[in-house]
C-alpha atoms as a PDB file:
ATOM      1  CA  MET A   1     146.498  83.698 -31.174  1.00  0.00           C
ATOM      2  CA  PHE A   2     147.136  85.028 -34.654  1.00  0.00           C
ATOM      3  CA  GLY A   3     150.781  85.815 -34.097  1.00  0.00           C
ATOM      4  CA  TRP A   4     150.337  89.608 -34.049  1.00  0.00           C
ATOM      5  CA  LYS A   5     152.903  91.636 -32.203  1.00  0.00           C
ATOM      6  CA  ARG A   6     151.737  94.596 -30.286  1.00  0.00           C
ATOM      7  CA  GLN A   7     153.685  97.674 -31.335  1.00  0.00           C
ATOM      8  CA  LYS A   8     155.519  99.386 -28.535  1.00  0.00           C
ATOM      9  CA  ILE A   9     154.412 102.995 -28.223  1.00  0.00           C
ATOM     10  CA  THR A  10     157.224 105.388 -27.459  1.00  0.00           C
ATOM     11  CA  SER A  11     157.511 109.169 -27.293  1.00  0.00           C
ATOM     12  CA  SER A  12     159.473 109.059 -30.556  1.00  0.00           C
ATOM     13  CA  SER A  13     156.687 107.222 -32.401  1.00  0.00           C
ATOM     14  CA  ILE A  14     154.116 109.735 -31.093  1.00  0.00           C
ATOM     15  CA  ARG A  15     156.185 112.637 -32.423  1.00  0.00           C
ATOM     16  CA  GLN A  16     156.556 110.956 -35.837  1.00  0.00           C
ATOM     17  CA  SER A  17     152.797 110.316 -35.997  1.00  0.00           C
ATOM     18  CA  LYS A  18     152.011 113.951 -35.185  1.00  0.00           C
ATOM     19  CA  ARG A  19     154.495 115.118 -37.831  1.00  0.00           C
ATOM     20  CA  ARG A  20     152.825 112.927 -40.489  1.00  0.00           C
ATOM     21  CA  ASP A  21     149.387 114.223 -39.497  1.00  0.00           C
ATOM     22  CA  HIS A  22     150.674 117.804 -39.755  1.00  0.00           C
ATOM     23  CA  GLU A  23     152.154 117.171 -43.230  1.00  0.00           C
ATOM     24  CA  VAL A  24     148.942 115.581 -44.478  1.00  0.00           C
ATOM     25  CA  ALA A  25     146.972 118.580 -43.219  1.00  0.00           C
ATOM     26  CA  LEU A  26     149.245 121.022 -45.056  1.00  0.00           C
ATOM     27  CA  PHE A  27     149.745 118.938 -48.179  1.00  0.00           C
ATOM     28  CA  PRO A  28     146.841 116.595 -48.872  1.00  0.00           C
ATOM     29  CA  GLY A  29     147.942 113.411 -50.581  1.00  0.00           C
ATOM     30  CA  ALA A  30     151.282 113.375 -48.802  1.00  0.00           C
ATOM     31  CA  GLY A  31     150.396 110.356 -46.642  1.00  0.00           C
ATOM     32  CA  GLY A  32     152.393 107.925 -48.740  1.00  0.00           C
ATOM     33  CA  ARG A  33     156.164 107.797 -48.401  1.00  0.00           C
ATOM     34  CA  ASN A  34     156.796 107.992 -52.173  1.00  0.00           C
ATOM     35  CA  GLU A  35     153.952 110.333 -53.017  1.00  0.00           C
ATOM     36  CA  MET A  36     154.978 113.915 -53.812  1.00  0.00           C
ATOM     37  CA  ALA A  37     153.337 116.523 -51.647  1.00  0.00           C
ATOM     38  CA  GLN A  38     151.102 118.934 -53.517  1.00  0.00           C
ATOM     39  CA  PRO A  39     150.400 122.466 -52.227  1.00  0.00           C
ATOM     40  CA  ILE A  40     146.860 123.588 -51.778  1.00  0.00           C
ATOM     41  CA  ALA A  41     145.761 125.681 -54.769  1.00  0.00           C
ATOM     42  CA  VAL A  42     144.491 129.079 -53.720  1.00  0.00           C
ATOM     43  CA  THR A  43     142.384 130.938 -56.247  1.00  0.00           C
ATOM     44  CA  LYS A  44     142.709 134.717 -56.291  1.00  0.00           C
ATOM     45  CA  PRO A  45     140.823 137.123 -58.511  1.00  0.00           C
ATOM     46  CA  VAL A  46     143.028 138.166 -61.437  1.00  0.00           C
ATOM     47  CA  ARG A  47     142.714 141.679 -62.815  1.00  0.00           C
ATOM     48  CA  ARG A  48     142.309 141.552 -66.580  1.00  0.00           C
ATOM     49  CA  ALA A  49     144.499 143.726 -68.769  1.00  0.00           C
ATOM     50  CA  ALA A  50     142.580 146.440 -70.538  1.00  0.00           C
ATOM     51  CA  GLU A  51     141.238 145.316 -73.899  1.00  0.00           C
ATOM     52  CA  PRO A  52     141.849 147.598 -76.896  1.00  0.00           C
ATOM     53  CA  ALA A  53     138.197 148.686 -76.750  1.00  0.00           C
ATOM     54  CA  GLU A  54     138.677 149.635 -73.101  1.00  0.00           C
ATOM     55  CA  ALA A  55     141.896 151.585 -73.734  1.00  0.00           C
ATOM     56  CA  LEU A  56     142.210 155.349 -73.917  1.00  0.00           C
ATOM     57  CA  THR A  57     142.553 155.629 -77.679  1.00  0.00           C
ATOM     58  CA  ASP A  58     139.062 157.090 -78.000  1.00  0.00           C
ATOM     59  CA  TYR A  59     140.020 160.113 -75.889  1.00  0.00           C
ATOM     60  CA  SER A  60     141.837 163.159 -77.196  1.00  0.00           C
ATOM     61  CA  THR A  61     145.190 164.193 -75.772  1.00  0.00           C
ATOM     62  CA  GLN A  62     143.600 167.272 -74.237  1.00  0.00           C
ATOM     63  CA  GLU A  63     140.962 165.135 -72.518  1.00  0.00           C
ATOM     64  CA  LEU A  64     143.711 162.952 -71.051  1.00  0.00           C
ATOM     65  CA  TYR A  65     145.563 165.969 -69.693  1.00  0.00           C
ATOM     66  CA  ARG A  66     142.309 167.270 -68.233  1.00  0.00           C
ATOM     67  CA  GLU A  67     141.845 163.946 -66.460  1.00  0.00           C
ATOM     68  CA  ILE A  68     145.393 164.146 -65.074  1.00  0.00           C
ATOM     69  CA  LEU A  69     144.615 167.583 -63.640  1.00  0.00           C
ATOM     70  CA  SER A  70     141.543 166.153 -61.926  1.00  0.00           C
ATOM     71  CA  ARG A  71     143.530 163.260 -60.450  1.00  0.00           C
ATOM     72  CA  LEU A  72     146.070 165.720 -59.089  1.00  0.00           C
ATOM     73  CA  GLY A  73     143.258 167.305 -57.113  1.00  0.00           C
ATOM     74  CA  GLU A  74     142.836 170.353 -59.333  1.00  0.00           C
ATOM     75  CA  ASP A  75     139.749 171.835 -60.947  1.00  0.00           C
ATOM     76  CA  PRO A  76     140.293 171.774 -64.736  1.00  0.00           C
ATOM     77  CA  GLN A  77     137.430 174.259 -65.134  1.00  0.00           C
ATOM     78  CA  ARG A  78     138.992 177.123 -63.194  1.00  0.00           C
ATOM     79  CA  ASP A  79     140.301 180.097 -65.153  1.00  0.00           C
ATOM     80  CA  GLY A  80     144.002 179.327 -64.929  1.00  0.00           C
ATOM     81  CA  LEU A  81     143.588 175.731 -66.122  1.00  0.00           C
ATOM     82  CA  LEU A  82     140.909 175.996 -68.803  1.00  0.00           C
ATOM     83  CA  SER A  83     143.451 176.186 -71.634  1.00  0.00           C
ATOM     84  CA  THR A  84     146.204 174.190 -69.911  1.00  0.00           C
ATOM     85  CA  PRO A  85     145.467 170.867 -71.686  1.00  0.00           C
ATOM     86  CA  LYS A  86     145.720 172.632 -75.051  1.00  0.00           C
ATOM     87  CA  ARG A  87     148.968 174.358 -74.071  1.00  0.00           C
ATOM     88  CA  VAL A  88     150.533 171.158 -72.742  1.00  0.00           C
ATOM     89  CA  GLU A  89     149.588 169.247 -75.899  1.00  0.00           C
ATOM     90  CA  LYS A  90     151.266 171.903 -78.027  1.00  0.00           C
ATOM     91  CA  ALA A  91     154.343 172.055 -75.791  1.00  0.00           C
ATOM     92  CA  MET A  92     154.813 168.278 -75.770  1.00  0.00           C
ATOM     93  CA  GLY A  93     154.455 168.213 -79.549  1.00  0.00           C
ATOM     94  CA  PHE A  94     157.356 170.665 -79.799  1.00  0.00           C
ATOM     95  CA  LEU A  95     159.493 168.945 -77.155  1.00  0.00           C
ATOM     96  CA  THR A  96     159.180 165.571 -78.917  1.00  0.00           C
ATOM     97  CA  LYS A  97     159.233 166.687 -82.563  1.00  0.00           C
ATOM     98  CA  GLY A  98     162.504 164.810 -83.076  1.00  0.00           C
ATOM     99  CA  TYR A  99     160.559 161.582 -83.586  1.00  0.00           C
ATOM    100  CA  ASP A 100     159.340 162.963 -86.925  1.00  0.00           C
ATOM    101  CA  GLU A 101     162.783 164.043 -88.173  1.00  0.00           C
ATOM    102  CA  ASN A 102     165.374 161.941 -89.971  1.00  0.00           C
ATOM    103  CA  PRO A 103     168.926 162.673 -88.797  1.00  0.00           C
ATOM    104  CA  THR A 104     170.558 161.039 -91.830  1.00  0.00           C
ATOM    105  CA  GLU A 105     168.579 163.179 -94.278  1.00  0.00           C
ATOM    106  CA  ILE A 106     169.516 166.332 -92.360  1.00  0.00           C
ATOM    107  CA  LEU A 107     173.225 165.567 -92.509  1.00  0.00           C
ATOM    108  CA  ARG A 108     173.285 164.411 -96.123  1.00  0.00           C
ATOM    109  CA  GLY A 109     171.456 167.560 -97.172  1.00  0.00           C
ATOM    110  CA  ALA A 110     174.668 169.573 -96.666  1.00  0.00           C
ATOM    111  CA  LEU A 111     177.743 167.505 -97.491  1.00  0.00           C
ATOM    112  CA  PHE A 112     180.685 169.051 -99.293  1.00  0.00           C
ATOM    113  CA  ASP A 113     183.827 167.622-100.864  1.00  0.00           C
ATOM    114  CA  VAL A 114     186.749 169.341 -99.132  1.00  0.00           C
ATOM    115  CA  ASP A 115     190.423 168.425 -99.007  1.00  0.00           C
ATOM    116  CA  TYR A 116     190.757 168.718 -95.221  1.00  0.00           C
ATOM    117  CA  ASP A 117     191.808 166.051 -92.768  1.00  0.00           C
ATOM    118  CA  GLU A 118     192.174 167.923 -89.481  1.00  0.00           C
ATOM    119  CA  MET A 119     189.764 168.030 -86.578  1.00  0.00           C
ATOM    120  CA  VAL A 120     186.489 169.955 -86.934  1.00  0.00           C
ATOM    121  CA  ILE A 121     184.822 170.921 -83.651  1.00  0.00           C
ATOM    122  CA  VAL A 122     181.453 172.511 -82.982  1.00  0.00           C
ATOM    123  CA  LYS A 123     181.225 173.031 -79.241  1.00  0.00           C
ATOM    124  CA  ASP A 124     178.966 174.618 -76.633  1.00  0.00           C
ATOM    125  CA  ILE A 125     175.788 173.623 -78.489  1.00  0.00           C
ATOM    126  CA  GLU A 126     172.859 174.317 -76.174  1.00  0.00           C
ATOM    127  CA  MET A 127     170.721 171.264 -75.525  1.00  0.00           C
ATOM    128  CA  TYR A 128     167.336 170.795 -73.836  1.00  0.00           C
ATOM    129  CA  SER A 129     165.697 167.399 -73.575  1.00  0.00           C
ATOM    130  CA  LEU A 130     163.274 165.350 -71.472  1.00  0.00           C
ATOM    131  CA  CYS A 131     164.364 162.472 -69.270  1.00  0.00           C
ATOM    132  CA  GLU A 132     162.363 159.410 -70.285  1.00  0.00           C
ATOM    133  CA  HIS A 133     162.187 158.132 -66.694  1.00  0.00           C
ATOM    134  CA  HIS A 134     160.350 161.070 -65.113  1.00  0.00           C
ATOM    135  CA  MET A 135     159.658 163.280 -68.165  1.00  0.00           C
ATOM    136  CA  LEU A 136     161.490 166.136 -66.466  1.00  0.00           C
ATOM    137  CA  PRO A 137     163.987 168.346 -68.340  1.00  0.00           C
ATOM    138  CA  PHE A 138     167.710 167.907 -68.513  1.00  0.00           C
ATOM    139  CA  PHE A 139     169.804 170.551 -70.199  1.00  0.00           C
ATOM    140  CA  GLY A 140     173.397 171.454 -70.930  1.00  0.00           C
ATOM    141  CA  ARG A 141     175.964 171.699 -73.705  1.00  0.00           C
ATOM    142  CA  VAL A 142     177.095 169.349 -76.444  1.00  0.00           C
ATOM    143  CA  HIS A 143     180.558 169.279 -78.015  1.00  0.00           C
ATOM    144  CA  VAL A 144     180.937 167.474 -81.358  1.00  0.00           C
ATOM    145  CA  ALA A 145     184.143 166.807 -83.295  1.00  0.00           C
ATOM    146  CA  TYR A 146     185.074 164.741 -86.334  1.00  0.00           C
ATOM    147  CA  ILE A 147     188.028 164.292 -88.678  1.00  0.00           C
ATOM    148  CA  PRO A 148     186.833 164.344 -92.308  1.00  0.00           C
ATOM    149  CA  ASN A 149     187.611 161.683 -94.837  1.00  0.00           C
ATOM    150  CA  GLY A 150     186.988 163.697 -98.011  1.00  0.00           C
ATOM    151  CA  LYS A 151     183.626 165.203 -96.985  1.00  0.00           C
ATOM    152  CA  VAL A 152     182.591 167.826 -94.437  1.00  0.00           C
ATOM    153  CA  ILE A 153     179.180 168.648 -92.964  1.00  0.00           C
ATOM    154  CA  GLY A 154     177.620 172.099 -93.178  1.00  0.00           C
ATOM    155  CA  LEU A 155     178.296 173.571 -89.748  1.00  0.00           C
ATOM    156  CA  SER A 156     174.636 174.390 -88.997  1.00  0.00           C
ATOM    157  CA  LYS A 157     173.671 170.748 -89.515  1.00  0.00           C
ATOM    158  CA  ILE A 158     175.525 169.587 -86.418  1.00  0.00           C
ATOM    159  CA  PRO A 159     173.391 171.666 -84.010  1.00  0.00           C
ATOM    160  CA  ARG A 160     170.371 170.542 -86.030  1.00  0.00           C
ATOM    161  CA  LEU A 161     171.422 166.935 -85.474  1.00  0.00           C
ATOM    162  CA  VAL A 162     171.725 167.530 -81.721  1.00  0.00           C
ATOM    163  CA  GLU A 163     168.231 169.044 -81.763  1.00  0.00           C
ATOM    164  CA  VAL A 164     166.753 165.987 -83.500  1.00  0.00           C
ATOM    165  CA  PHE A 165     167.896 163.615 -80.771  1.00  0.00           C
ATOM    166  CA  ALA A 166     167.303 166.053 -77.905  1.00  0.00           C
ATOM    167  CA  ARG A 167     163.653 166.579 -78.891  1.00  0.00           C
ATOM    168  CA  ARG A 168     162.717 163.065 -77.828  1.00  0.00           C
ATOM    169  CA  LEU A 169     162.297 161.260 -74.523  1.00  0.00           C
ATOM    170  CA  GLN A 170     165.915 160.494 -73.806  1.00  0.00           C
ATOM    171  CA  VAL A 171     168.658 159.322 -71.540  1.00  0.00           C
ATOM    172  CA  GLN A 172     171.900 161.263 -71.844  1.00  0.00           C
ATOM    173  CA  GLU A 173     174.058 158.193 -72.411  1.00  0.00           C
ATOM    174  CA  ARG A 174     172.018 157.011 -75.396  1.00  0.00           C
ATOM    175  CA  MET A 175     171.774 160.474 -76.958  1.00  0.00           C
ATOM    176  CA  THR A 176     175.564 160.845 -76.834  1.00  0.00           C
ATOM    177  CA  ARG A 177     175.997 157.621 -78.761  1.00  0.00           C
ATOM    178  CA  GLN A 178     173.215 158.422 -81.249  1.00  0.00           C
ATOM    179  CA  ILE A 179     174.834 161.723 -82.264  1.00  0.00           C
ATOM    180  CA  ALA A 180     178.201 160.055 -82.849  1.00  0.00           C
ATOM    181  CA  ASP A 181     176.728 157.125 -84.771  1.00  0.00           C
ATOM    182  CA  ALA A 182     174.614 159.393 -87.010  1.00  0.00           C
ATOM    183  CA  ILE A 183     177.684 161.376 -88.138  1.00  0.00           C
ATOM    184  CA  GLN A 184     179.715 158.221 -88.619  1.00  0.00           C
ATOM    185  CA  GLU A 185     176.978 156.680 -90.778  1.00  0.00           C
ATOM    186  CA  ALA A 186     176.361 159.810 -92.868  1.00  0.00           C
ATOM    187  CA  ILE A 187     179.904 160.740 -93.972  1.00  0.00           C
ATOM    188  CA  GLU A 188     182.130 157.873 -92.772  1.00  0.00           C
ATOM    189  CA  PRO A 189     184.832 160.160 -91.345  1.00  0.00           C
ATOM    190  CA  GLN A 190     188.077 158.984 -89.824  1.00  0.00           C
ATOM    191  CA  GLY A 191     186.481 159.348 -86.418  1.00  0.00           C
ATOM    192  CA  VAL A 192     183.875 161.147 -84.303  1.00  0.00           C
ATOM    193  CA  GLY A 193     183.908 162.424 -80.732  1.00  0.00           C
ATOM    194  CA  VAL A 194     180.909 163.657 -78.727  1.00  0.00           C
ATOM    195  CA  VAL A 195     180.804 164.999 -75.166  1.00  0.00           C
ATOM    196  CA  ILE A 196     177.635 166.098 -73.349  1.00  0.00           C
ATOM    197  CA  GLU A 197     177.601 168.001 -70.057  1.00  0.00           C
ATOM    198  CA  ALA A 198     174.119 168.270 -68.551  1.00  0.00           C
ATOM    199  CA  ARG A 199     172.132 168.928 -65.394  1.00  0.00           C
ATOM    200  CA  HIS A 200     169.063 166.818 -64.671  1.00  0.00           C
ATOM    201  CA  LEU A 201     166.007 168.235 -62.924  1.00  0.00           C
ATOM    202  CA  CYS A 202     164.932 164.699 -62.012  1.00  0.00           C
ATOM    203  CA  MET A 203     167.740 164.714 -59.432  1.00  0.00           C
ATOM    204  CA  MET A 204     167.672 168.443 -58.663  1.00  0.00           C
ATOM    205  CA  MET A 205     164.005 169.215 -57.918  1.00  0.00           C
ATOM    206  CA  ARG A 206     163.006 165.737 -56.714  1.00  0.00           C
ATOM    207  CA  GLY A 207     164.608 162.551 -55.419  1.00  0.00           C
ATOM    208  CA  ILE A 208     168.088 163.218 -54.072  1.00  0.00           C
ATOM    209  CA  GLU A 209     167.729 167.015 -54.671  1.00  0.00           C
ATOM    210  CA  LYS A 210     171.387 167.731 -55.365  1.00  0.00           C
ATOM    211  CA  GLN A 211     171.585 171.147 -57.011  1.00  0.00           C
ATOM    212  CA  GLY A 212     175.274 171.348 -57.908  1.00  0.00           C
ATOM    213  CA  SER A 213     175.674 168.000 -59.660  1.00  0.00           C
ATOM    214  CA  SER A 214     176.184 167.532 -63.390  1.00  0.00           C
ATOM    215  CA  THR A 215     176.566 164.519 -65.662  1.00  0.00           C
ATOM    216  CA  VAL A 216     179.241 164.163 -68.355  1.00  0.00           C
ATOM    217  CA  THR A 217     179.049 161.487 -71.049  1.00  0.00           C
ATOM    218  CA  SER A 218     181.251 160.815 -74.071  1.00  0.00           C
ATOM    219  CA  ALA A 219     181.253 158.689 -77.196  1.00  0.00           C
ATOM    220  CA  MET A 220     184.422 158.109 -79.215  1.00  0.00           C
ATOM    221  CA  VAL A 221     184.382 156.441 -82.637  1.00  0.00           C
ATOM    222  CA  GLY A 222     187.222 155.529 -84.988  1.00  0.00           C
ATOM    223  CA  CYS A 223     190.467 157.425 -84.511  1.00  0.00           C
ATOM    224  CA  PHE A 224     189.019 159.256 -81.496  1.00  0.00           C
ATOM    225  CA  ARG A 225     189.596 156.066 -79.530  1.00  0.00           C
ATOM    226  CA  GLN A 226     193.314 156.732 -79.856  1.00  0.00           C
ATOM    227  CA  LYS A 227     194.745 158.505 -76.835  1.00  0.00           C
ATOM    228  CA  GLU A 228     196.408 161.328 -78.767  1.00  0.00           C
ATOM    229  CA  THR A 229     193.295 162.268 -80.748  1.00  0.00           C
ATOM    230  CA  ARG A 230     190.991 161.968 -77.750  1.00  0.00           C
ATOM    231  CA  THR A 231     193.311 164.133 -75.636  1.00  0.00           C
ATOM    232  CA  GLU A 232     193.431 166.849 -78.310  1.00  0.00           C
ATOM    233  CA  PHE A 233     189.638 166.881 -78.565  1.00  0.00           C
ATOM    234  CA  LEU A 234     189.074 167.098 -74.814  1.00  0.00           C
ATOM    235  CA  SER A 235     191.696 169.819 -74.382  1.00  0.00           C
ATOM    236  CA  LEU A 236     190.073 171.961 -77.079  1.00  0.00           C
ATOM    237  CA  VAL A 237     186.648 171.455 -75.516  1.00  0.00           C
ATOM    238  CA  ARG A 238     187.927 172.670 -72.146  1.00  0.00           C
ATOM    239  CA  GLN A 239     189.277 175.912 -73.597  1.00  0.00           C
ATOM    240  CA  PRO A 240     187.158 179.065 -73.048  1.00  0.00           C
ATOM    241  CA  GLY A 241     184.299 179.466 -75.499  1.00  0.00           C
ATOM    242  CA  SER A 242     183.086 182.434 -77.493  1.00  0.00           C
ATOM    243  CA  GLY A 243     183.797 184.844 -74.647  1.00  0.00           C
ATOM    244  CA  ALA A 244     187.513 184.488 -75.397  1.00  0.00           C
ATOM    245  CA  LEU A 245     187.170 185.395 -79.121  1.00  0.00           C
END
C-alpha cells in the first residue's frame, strides 16, 4: 500500500548484521559507518612514584645496608654482621673516592718544560674498579703513552690519573676514553694512546661465568691515530714488563 519493498534476507545479510553487532559490542559508538570506533577505557590503579618525603634520604647509609642484609634473608644482629654496614660504608667510600678528585688539577700539579718529542709510556698500571651495571669489580692493567709537545707530566701523576677514574662506578670503554681525554686537555701533547686489559667479575662469577675471558679497549688521540705511531705503541706495550729489566 505504501510502496515499501520487503528486504530479501540472505545468509550474507545475516553475517553482516552479526558482524556489526559484534563491532558495536566491542567498540560502543561504532554503529555509524563514518563514526570512528573508540576502545573501552579500562581504569587500572597506578602506583605513585615516591615523593621526596617518602624517599630514603632520612636514613643513614648504614641503616640502608642493614635493610639490604635483612632483605637478603640474613640477621643483621648476629655477630658476624653487626659491624658489616659500617665496614661496607667505609669500603664504598674508598672505592668511589674518585668522584671527589679533579683529574685536571692532578695532572697540572706536575708539569715540566722539557725538550723531548719522543714517546713516553707508563705501562702495566694496576687498576681496580667497579662495574656500574652490577657493582662488581673489574680489574687489570692500564698502558698509557703520549708524545710531548713541550711539556711532560710527572710520571707518578699518570697512575694517579688512572686511580681517579677507576675509583668510580665505571664501564671500561668510557674509562679508557676519559684517561686519554684528560691528558690531552691538560698538556695538549701531539697525541695520546691508552690501552686497558681487564677481567670482569660480572661475567666470571655470575651470568655467563666465563673464567678465562678478558676485555681489551683502546683510545687513540692525535698522532696515535696514525698507523706507524699506533703500531709502535702497541708493540712496546706487548714487550715483557719489569721482569725483563
